[in-house]
């Protein structure tokens, strides 16, 4: 055993590792990012609170106690809904996943049950809910537990508070159908950003981009050809994901003109970010590490895998400034709830963002300086 040879080989390995910025990222930075992201999201899950919208049609002191009781559990932040509005339409318009309706006559039935011990005196509290939401079942389970406890405190006879559910959607959807649009958005983001960064930095290092300035191809032609290339890859990838989803899971999704539009906006947004990155990060390895540092937190914080409602409030605020969030929500609005107005709003936001970063990316791409 030659310790000198072993030491020399060790030094070579360490120097090689140091030069590989991507390897350093996945070895050190990426695990730390995951710990920080998921640790922040899940550290206080037992203390997590949800927004709960309550419409009190009885409008009495007794019915008001229901909202106070729900708020005192620490699980809900109560928002009152005007009794005059249609709760189902209100939930659709405000994109809420749950509205609780306290029926008219609640106080009268409560008194009849409590004072006269009438087993036929009961009330039915209605859940107006969005079945495509991944967190709505958790909220309803918590509500059912609270109402079960209230029933036990009232009598040992048939429950006074009963519940009924009404979907805001015309069709029933499963979690897999909530999940797929997020995966499509994430896959397009990853391919567009990583593809742009990898190709551009490699061509820059090899001096090919500088040589392109001496050819008939213009910078606009070069950028648009890359956009078309990334869009074709995104369409093929999306088609493959949808085919597998329909074949294996028998999903029920709306496929319409919004899908290619959001894919195109997704491509433009993240190709633009990729062009900006490759301008300021010269080495391919460093650029790839920078792209990963953007992609991985975004895919976990923008609602691709689970709803942002399950995050702490400050992370929910942060999630709503991420471009991937608007692609996710836009695809779900068009593919799951078939809400064209919501899809239009989300497309407007991501479209504005894509325009800004793409223009900045074009400005950052200067062949003469490469």
Protein backbone atom coordinates (compact mmCIF):
# COMPACT_ATOMS: atom_id res chain seq x y z
CA UNK A 1 0.00 0.00 0.00
CA UNK A 2 1.48 3.32 -1.13
CA UNK A 3 0.07 6.17 0.96
CA UNK A 4 1.59 8.77 -1.35
CA UNK A 5 -0.25 7.37 -4.37
CA UNK A 6 -3.49 7.13 -2.39
CA UNK A 7 -3.08 10.74 -1.22
CA UNK A 8 -2.33 12.01 -4.73
CA UNK A 9 -5.35 10.19 -6.14
CA UNK A 10 -7.50 11.60 -3.33
CA UNK A 11 -6.39 15.14 -4.18
CA UNK A 12 -7.24 14.59 -7.85
CA UNK A 13 -10.70 13.27 -6.92
CA UNK A 14 -11.40 16.23 -4.62
CA UNK A 15 -10.31 18.75 -7.26
CA UNK A 16 -12.43 17.03 -9.91
CA UNK A 17 -15.43 17.07 -7.58
CA UNK A 18 -14.87 20.76 -6.81
CA UNK A 19 -14.90 21.56 -10.52
CA UNK A 20 -18.22 19.71 -11.00
CA UNK A 21 -20.66 22.32 -9.72
CA UNK A 22 -23.67 20.11 -10.49
CA UNK A 23 -22.23 17.24 -8.45
CA UNK A 24 -21.55 19.64 -5.58
CA UNK A 25 -25.12 20.92 -5.79
CA UNK A 26 -26.73 17.47 -5.58
CA UNK A 27 -24.30 16.32 -2.90
CA UNK A 28 -24.56 19.28 -0.54
CA UNK A 29 -27.02 22.00 -1.54
CA UNK A 30 -29.94 19.93 -2.82
CA UNK A 31 -30.42 17.83 0.36
CA UNK A 32 -30.22 21.01 2.44
CA UNK A 33 -32.82 22.69 0.22
CA UNK A 34 -35.16 19.71 0.64
CA UNK A 35 -34.71 19.77 4.42
CA UNK A 36 -35.44 23.49 4.56
CA UNK A 37 -38.44 23.29 2.24
CA UNK A 38 -40.17 20.24 3.70
CA UNK A 39 -39.09 21.04 7.23
CA UNK A 40 -40.76 24.43 6.96
CA UNK A 41 -43.89 22.95 5.41
CA UNK A 42 -44.38 20.05 7.79
CA UNK A 43 -42.79 21.16 11.07
CA UNK A 44 -46.11 22.43 12.46
CA UNK A 45 -48.58 20.14 10.72
CA UNK A 46 -50.34 19.42 14.01
CA UNK A 47 -50.95 23.19 14.31
CA UNK A 48 -51.92 23.76 10.69
CA UNK A 49 -55.01 25.89 10.16
CA UNK A 50 -57.26 26.10 7.12
CA UNK A 51 -59.42 28.88 5.76
CA UNK A 52 -63.09 27.98 6.29
CA UNK A 53 -65.95 29.96 4.80
CA UNK A 54 -69.20 29.78 6.74
CA UNK A 55 -72.63 30.89 5.56
CA UNK A 56 -75.04 31.26 8.49
CA UNK A 57 -78.59 31.19 7.13
CA UNK A 58 -80.14 31.11 10.63
CA UNK A 59 -78.33 34.23 11.79
CA UNK A 60 -78.98 33.67 15.51
CA UNK A 61 -76.75 33.64 18.58
CA UNK A 62 -77.00 29.86 18.77
CA UNK A 63 -75.97 29.33 15.17
CA UNK A 64 -73.15 31.86 15.57
CA UNK A 65 -71.73 29.63 18.29
CA UNK A 66 -70.98 26.98 15.64
CA UNK A 67 -68.55 29.28 13.84
CA UNK A 68 -67.01 30.33 17.17
CA UNK A 69 -66.58 26.70 18.19
CA UNK A 70 -64.92 25.82 14.89
CA UNK A 71 -62.61 28.81 15.17
CA UNK A 72 -61.67 27.94 18.77
CA UNK A 73 -60.31 24.55 17.69
CA UNK A 74 -57.31 26.30 16.15
CA UNK A 75 -57.81 24.35 12.94
CA UNK A 76 -59.81 26.97 11.05
CA UNK A 77 -59.72 30.65 10.22
CA UNK A 78 -63.37 31.56 9.84
CA UNK A 79 -64.67 33.88 7.13
CA UNK A 80 -68.37 34.72 7.06
CA UNK A 81 -70.24 34.49 3.76
CA UNK A 82 -73.18 36.80 3.06
CA UNK A 83 -76.40 34.77 3.60
CA UNK A 84 -77.95 36.42 0.54
CA UNK A 85 -75.52 34.90 -1.96
CA UNK A 86 -75.67 31.48 -3.58
CA UNK A 87 -72.99 29.48 -1.76
CA UNK A 88 -72.21 27.18 -4.69
CA UNK A 89 -71.70 30.04 -7.10
CA UNK A 90 -69.75 31.94 -4.45
CA UNK A 91 -67.38 28.99 -4.07
CA UNK A 92 -66.91 28.79 -7.84
CA UNK A 93 -66.34 32.53 -8.26
CA UNK A 94 -63.82 32.75 -5.43
CA UNK A 95 -62.22 29.35 -6.16
CA UNK A 96 -62.93 28.01 -2.69
CA UNK A 97 -62.72 24.30 -1.95
CA UNK A 98 -65.21 24.34 0.94
CA UNK A 99 -68.11 26.46 2.18
CA UNK A 100 -70.06 25.34 5.26
CA UNK A 101 -73.77 26.22 5.36
CA UNK A 102 -75.63 26.45 8.68
CA UNK A 103 -79.33 26.01 7.81
CA UNK A 104 -82.19 28.28 8.69
CA UNK A 105 -84.05 27.08 11.79
CA UNK A 106 -80.90 25.88 13.56
CA UNK A 107 -81.71 27.64 16.86
CA UNK A 108 -85.33 26.45 16.87
CA UNK A 109 -84.28 22.82 16.33
CA UNK A 110 -81.53 23.15 18.93
CA UNK A 111 -83.96 24.34 21.59
CA UNK A 112 -86.47 21.65 20.67
CA UNK A 113 -83.80 18.96 20.94
CA UNK A 114 -82.27 20.27 24.16
CA UNK A 115 -85.38 21.22 26.13
CA UNK A 116 -87.89 18.68 24.87
CA UNK A 117 -85.45 15.85 24.18
CA UNK A 118 -87.03 15.38 20.75
CA UNK A 119 -85.02 12.80 18.73
CA UNK A 120 -86.63 14.07 15.52
CA UNK A 121 -85.21 17.54 16.06
CA UNK A 122 -81.98 17.74 14.10
CA UNK A 123 -80.23 19.98 11.57
CA UNK A 124 -78.27 19.20 8.44
CA UNK A 125 -75.15 21.26 7.88
CA UNK A 126 -74.11 21.26 4.22
CA UNK A 127 -70.59 21.17 2.85
CA UNK A 128 -70.30 22.90 -0.53
CA UNK A 129 -66.98 21.47 -1.67
CA UNK A 130 -64.59 21.08 -4.58
CA UNK A 131 -63.77 17.36 -4.97
CA UNK A 132 -60.73 18.14 -7.13
CA UNK A 133 -59.01 19.75 -4.14
CA UNK A 134 -56.52 17.52 -2.35
CA UNK A 135 -56.98 19.21 1.03
CA UNK A 136 -60.77 19.36 1.18
CA UNK A 137 -61.12 15.82 2.57
CA UNK A 138 -58.82 16.71 5.46
CA UNK A 139 -60.94 19.76 6.24
CA UNK A 140 -64.17 17.76 6.17
CA UNK A 141 -62.69 15.07 8.42
CA UNK A 142 -61.77 17.71 11.00
CA UNK A 143 -65.27 19.21 10.77
CA UNK A 144 -66.89 15.80 11.19
CA UNK A 145 -64.78 15.17 14.30
CA UNK A 146 -65.82 18.51 15.80
CA UNK A 147 -69.50 17.88 15.08
CA UNK A 148 -69.27 14.35 16.50
CA UNK A 149 -67.90 15.81 19.72
CA UNK A 150 -70.71 18.38 19.82
CA UNK A 151 -73.29 15.64 19.32
CA UNK A 152 -71.86 13.64 22.21
CA UNK A 153 -72.16 16.68 24.43
CA UNK A 154 -75.81 17.19 23.56
CA UNK A 155 -77.52 13.80 23.99
CA UNK A 156 -76.90 10.11 23.69
CA UNK A 157 -79.70 9.82 21.16
CA UNK A 158 -79.50 10.15 17.34
CA UNK A 159 -77.09 12.97 16.39
CA UNK A 160 -78.50 16.47 16.40
CA UNK A 161 -75.97 17.79 13.85
CA UNK A 162 -75.87 15.86 10.59
CA UNK A 163 -73.95 16.67 7.45
CA UNK A 164 -74.51 16.54 3.71
CA UNK A 165 -72.14 17.25 0.84
CA UNK A 166 -72.71 19.07 -2.44
CA UNK A 167 -70.03 19.29 -5.12
CA UNK A 168 -69.42 22.55 -6.96
CA UNK A 169 -68.37 20.50 -10.00
CA UNK A 170 -70.75 18.77 -12.36
CA UNK A 171 -68.55 15.66 -12.38
CA UNK A 172 -66.64 13.81 -9.72
CA UNK A 173 -62.86 13.96 -9.85
CA UNK A 174 -60.12 12.01 -8.10
CA UNK A 175 -56.81 13.17 -6.68
CA UNK A 176 -54.93 11.71 -9.68
CA UNK A 177 -56.79 14.22 -11.85
CA UNK A 178 -55.62 17.04 -9.60
CA UNK A 179 -52.10 15.60 -9.74
CA UNK A 180 -51.63 15.22 -13.50
CA UNK A 181 -51.85 18.92 -14.52
CA UNK A 182 -49.20 19.73 -11.91
CA UNK A 183 -46.90 17.03 -13.28
CA UNK A 184 -47.39 18.32 -16.83
CA UNK A 185 -46.50 21.87 -15.76
CA UNK A 186 -43.48 20.67 -13.79
CA UNK A 187 -42.19 18.45 -16.60
CA UNK A 188 -42.43 21.25 -19.16
CA UNK A 189 -40.68 23.65 -16.78
CA UNK A 190 -37.86 21.19 -16.11
CA UNK A 191 -37.27 20.36 -19.77
CA UNK A 192 -37.42 23.99 -20.92
CA UNK A 193 -35.18 25.45 -18.22
CA UNK A 194 -32.65 22.62 -18.03
CA UNK A 195 -32.59 22.17 -21.81
CA UNK A 196 -31.93 25.84 -22.45
CA UNK A 197 -29.24 26.06 -19.79
CA UNK A 198 -27.46 22.88 -20.82
CA UNK A 199 -27.43 23.59 -24.56
CA UNK A 200 -26.55 27.28 -24.37
CA UNK A 201 -23.75 26.94 -21.84
CA UNK A 202 -22.22 24.02 -23.70
CA UNK A 203 -22.30 25.90 -27.01
CA UNK A 204 -20.84 28.97 -25.34
CA UNK A 205 -17.97 27.01 -23.83
CA UNK A 206 -17.20 25.46 -27.21
CA UNK A 207 -17.30 28.87 -28.90
CA UNK A 208 -20.12 27.87 -31.24
CA UNK A 209 -22.43 30.72 -30.25
CA UNK A 210 -19.73 33.27 -31.11
CA UNK A 211 -19.28 31.66 -34.51
CA UNK A 212 -23.04 31.82 -35.17
CA UNK A 213 -22.77 35.61 -35.34
CA UNK A 214 -20.77 35.21 -38.56
CA UNK A 215 -23.45 33.07 -40.24
CA UNK A 216 -26.70 34.17 -41.95
CA UNK A 217 -28.80 33.02 -38.96
CA UNK A 218 -30.01 35.91 -36.81
CA UNK A 219 -30.30 35.93 -33.06
CA UNK A 220 -34.10 36.00 -33.37
CA UNK A 221 -34.05 32.97 -35.69
CA UNK A 222 -31.80 31.12 -33.24
CA UNK A 223 -34.00 31.86 -30.22
CA UNK A 224 -37.27 31.08 -32.00
CA UNK A 225 -35.90 27.78 -33.31
CA UNK A 226 -35.02 26.84 -29.74
CA UNK A 227 -38.51 27.81 -28.58
CA UNK A 228 -40.12 25.64 -31.28
CA UNK A 229 -37.80 22.77 -30.37
CA UNK A 230 -38.68 22.98 -26.65
CA UNK A 231 -42.39 23.31 -27.48
CA UNK A 232 -42.32 20.18 -29.66
CA UNK A 233 -40.61 18.24 -26.87
CA UNK A 234 -43.17 19.55 -24.37
CA UNK A 235 -46.11 18.53 -26.58
CA UNK A 236 -44.70 15.02 -27.07
CA UNK A 237 -44.01 14.68 -23.34
CA UNK A 238 -47.49 15.92 -22.42
CA UNK A 239 -49.15 13.59 -24.92
CA UNK A 240 -47.22 10.64 -23.48
CA UNK A 241 -48.22 11.54 -19.92
CA UNK A 242 -51.87 11.90 -20.88
CA UNK A 243 -51.91 8.61 -22.81
CA UNK A 244 -50.49 6.74 -19.83
CA UNK A 245 -52.91 8.50 -17.46
CA UNK A 246 -55.93 7.62 -19.57
CA UNK A 247 -54.79 4.06 -20.20
CA UNK A 248 -53.70 3.16 -16.67
CA UNK A 249 -55.81 5.35 -14.37
CA UNK A 250 -58.86 6.02 -16.58
CA UNK A 251 -58.70 9.74 -15.81
CA UNK A 252 -61.46 12.15 -16.75
CA UNK A 253 -59.90 15.44 -17.84
CA UNK A 254 -60.98 18.25 -20.14
CA UNK A 255 -58.64 18.50 -23.12
CA UNK A 256 -59.16 21.81 -24.89
CA UNK A 257 -57.30 24.77 -26.42
CA UNK A 258 -56.09 25.93 -23.02
CA UNK A 259 -53.69 22.98 -22.77
CA UNK A 260 -51.36 23.91 -25.68
CA UNK A 261 -51.58 27.58 -24.67
CA UNK A 262 -50.37 26.91 -21.13
CA UNK A 263 -47.66 24.58 -22.44
CA UNK A 264 -46.46 27.34 -24.78
CA UNK A 265 -46.50 29.95 -22.00
CA UNK A 266 -44.68 27.50 -19.72
CA UNK A 267 -41.99 27.03 -22.37
CA UNK A 268 -41.59 30.76 -23.01
CA UNK A 269 -41.35 31.58 -19.31
CA UNK A 270 -38.68 29.04 -18.44
CA UNK A 271 -36.70 29.32 -21.66
CA UNK A 272 -36.50 33.04 -20.83
CA UNK A 273 -35.22 32.26 -17.33
CA UNK A 274 -32.75 29.81 -18.85
CA UNK A 275 -31.40 32.44 -21.26
CA UNK A 276 -30.91 34.88 -18.39
CA UNK A 277 -29.10 32.25 -16.31
CA UNK A 278 -26.72 31.27 -19.09
CA UNK A 279 -25.77 34.90 -19.56
CA UNK A 280 -24.61 35.39 -15.99
CA UNK A 281 -23.35 31.86 -15.21
CA UNK A 282 -20.63 31.02 -17.69
CA UNK A 283 -19.75 27.38 -16.94
CA UNK A 284 -22.13 24.57 -17.89
CA UNK A 285 -21.82 22.91 -14.49
CA UNK A 286 -22.47 26.14 -12.60
CA UNK A 287 -25.42 27.01 -14.83
CA UNK A 288 -26.96 23.56 -14.31
CA UNK A 289 -26.57 23.92 -10.54
CA UNK A 290 -28.20 27.37 -10.67
CA UNK A 291 -31.08 25.96 -12.74
CA UNK A 292 -31.58 23.14 -10.24
CA UNK A 293 -31.57 25.63 -7.38
CA UNK A 294 -34.50 27.38 -9.08
CA UNK A 295 -36.41 24.32 -10.28
CA UNK A 296 -36.48 22.07 -7.23
CA UNK A 297 -37.85 24.53 -4.66
CA UNK A 298 -40.36 25.76 -7.24
CA UNK A 299 -41.73 22.31 -8.01
CA UNK A 300 -42.30 21.63 -4.31
CA UNK A 301 -43.66 25.05 -3.33
CA UNK A 302 -45.95 25.84 -6.27
CA UNK A 303 -48.56 23.15 -5.67
CA UNK A 304 -47.42 20.53 -8.17
CA UNK A 305 -47.59 17.66 -5.67
CA UNK A 306 -49.83 18.94 -2.87
CA UNK A 307 -52.04 22.01 -2.38
CA UNK A 308 -50.37 25.15 -1.06
CA UNK A 309 -53.18 25.39 1.52
CA UNK A 310 -51.26 22.80 3.54
CA UNK A 311 -48.27 25.17 3.83
CA UNK A 312 -47.66 27.89 6.43
CA UNK A 313 -49.22 31.21 5.45
CA UNK A 314 -45.92 32.91 4.58
CA UNK A 315 -45.07 30.04 2.19
CA UNK A 316 -48.51 30.31 0.62
CA UNK A 317 -47.78 33.97 -0.07
CA UNK A 318 -44.40 33.07 -1.53
CA UNK A 319 -45.95 30.31 -3.68
CA UNK A 320 -48.27 32.82 -5.32
CA UNK A 321 -45.35 34.75 -6.79
CA UNK A 322 -43.87 31.67 -8.45
CA UNK A 323 -44.60 31.35 -12.19
CA UNK A 324 -45.12 27.59 -11.97
CA UNK A 325 -48.02 28.14 -9.55
CA UNK A 326 -49.99 29.96 -12.25
CA UNK A 327 -49.29 27.27 -14.82
CA UNK A 328 -50.44 24.62 -12.32
CA UNK A 329 -53.61 26.46 -11.41
CA UNK A 330 -54.35 27.42 -15.00
CA UNK A 331 -54.10 23.83 -16.18
CA UNK A 332 -56.29 22.63 -13.30
CA UNK A 333 -58.85 25.34 -13.99
CA UNK A 334 -59.07 24.27 -17.65
CA UNK A 335 -58.61 20.49 -17.30
CA UNK A 336 -60.38 19.75 -14.01
CA UNK A 337 -63.00 22.38 -13.21
CA UNK A 338 -63.47 23.63 -16.80
CA UNK A 339 -63.43 27.21 -15.49
CA UNK A 340 -62.59 29.32 -18.54
CA UNK A 341 -62.62 32.60 -16.62
CA UNK A 342 -60.08 31.31 -14.10
CA UNK A 343 -57.96 29.84 -16.89
CA UNK A 344 -57.99 33.22 -18.64
CA UNK A 345 -56.84 35.01 -15.48
CA UNK A 346 -54.01 32.55 -14.83
CA UNK A 347 -52.92 32.66 -18.48
CA UNK A 348 -52.79 36.44 -18.27
CA UNK A 349 -50.47 36.33 -15.25
CA UNK A 350 -48.10 33.71 -16.63
CA UNK A 351 -48.28 35.36 -20.06
CA UNK A 352 -47.14 38.70 -18.62
CA UNK A 353 -44.33 37.01 -16.70
CA UNK A 354 -43.23 35.00 -19.75
CA UNK A 355 -43.16 38.16 -21.88
CA UNK A 356 -40.97 40.03 -19.40
CA UNK A 357 -38.42 37.26 -18.79
CA UNK A 358 -38.30 36.31 -22.46
CA UNK A 359 -37.51 39.90 -23.48
CA UNK A 360 -34.84 40.04 -20.76
CA UNK A 361 -33.50 36.72 -22.02
CA UNK A 362 -33.25 38.06 -25.58
CA UNK A 363 -31.47 41.17 -24.32
CA UNK A 364 -29.06 38.98 -22.34
CA UNK A 365 -28.22 36.86 -25.38
CA UNK A 366 -25.49 38.83 -27.18
CA UNK A 367 -23.39 36.78 -29.53
CA UNK A 368 -20.73 39.42 -30.02
CA UNK A 369 -19.75 39.26 -26.34
CA UNK A 370 -19.70 35.44 -26.12
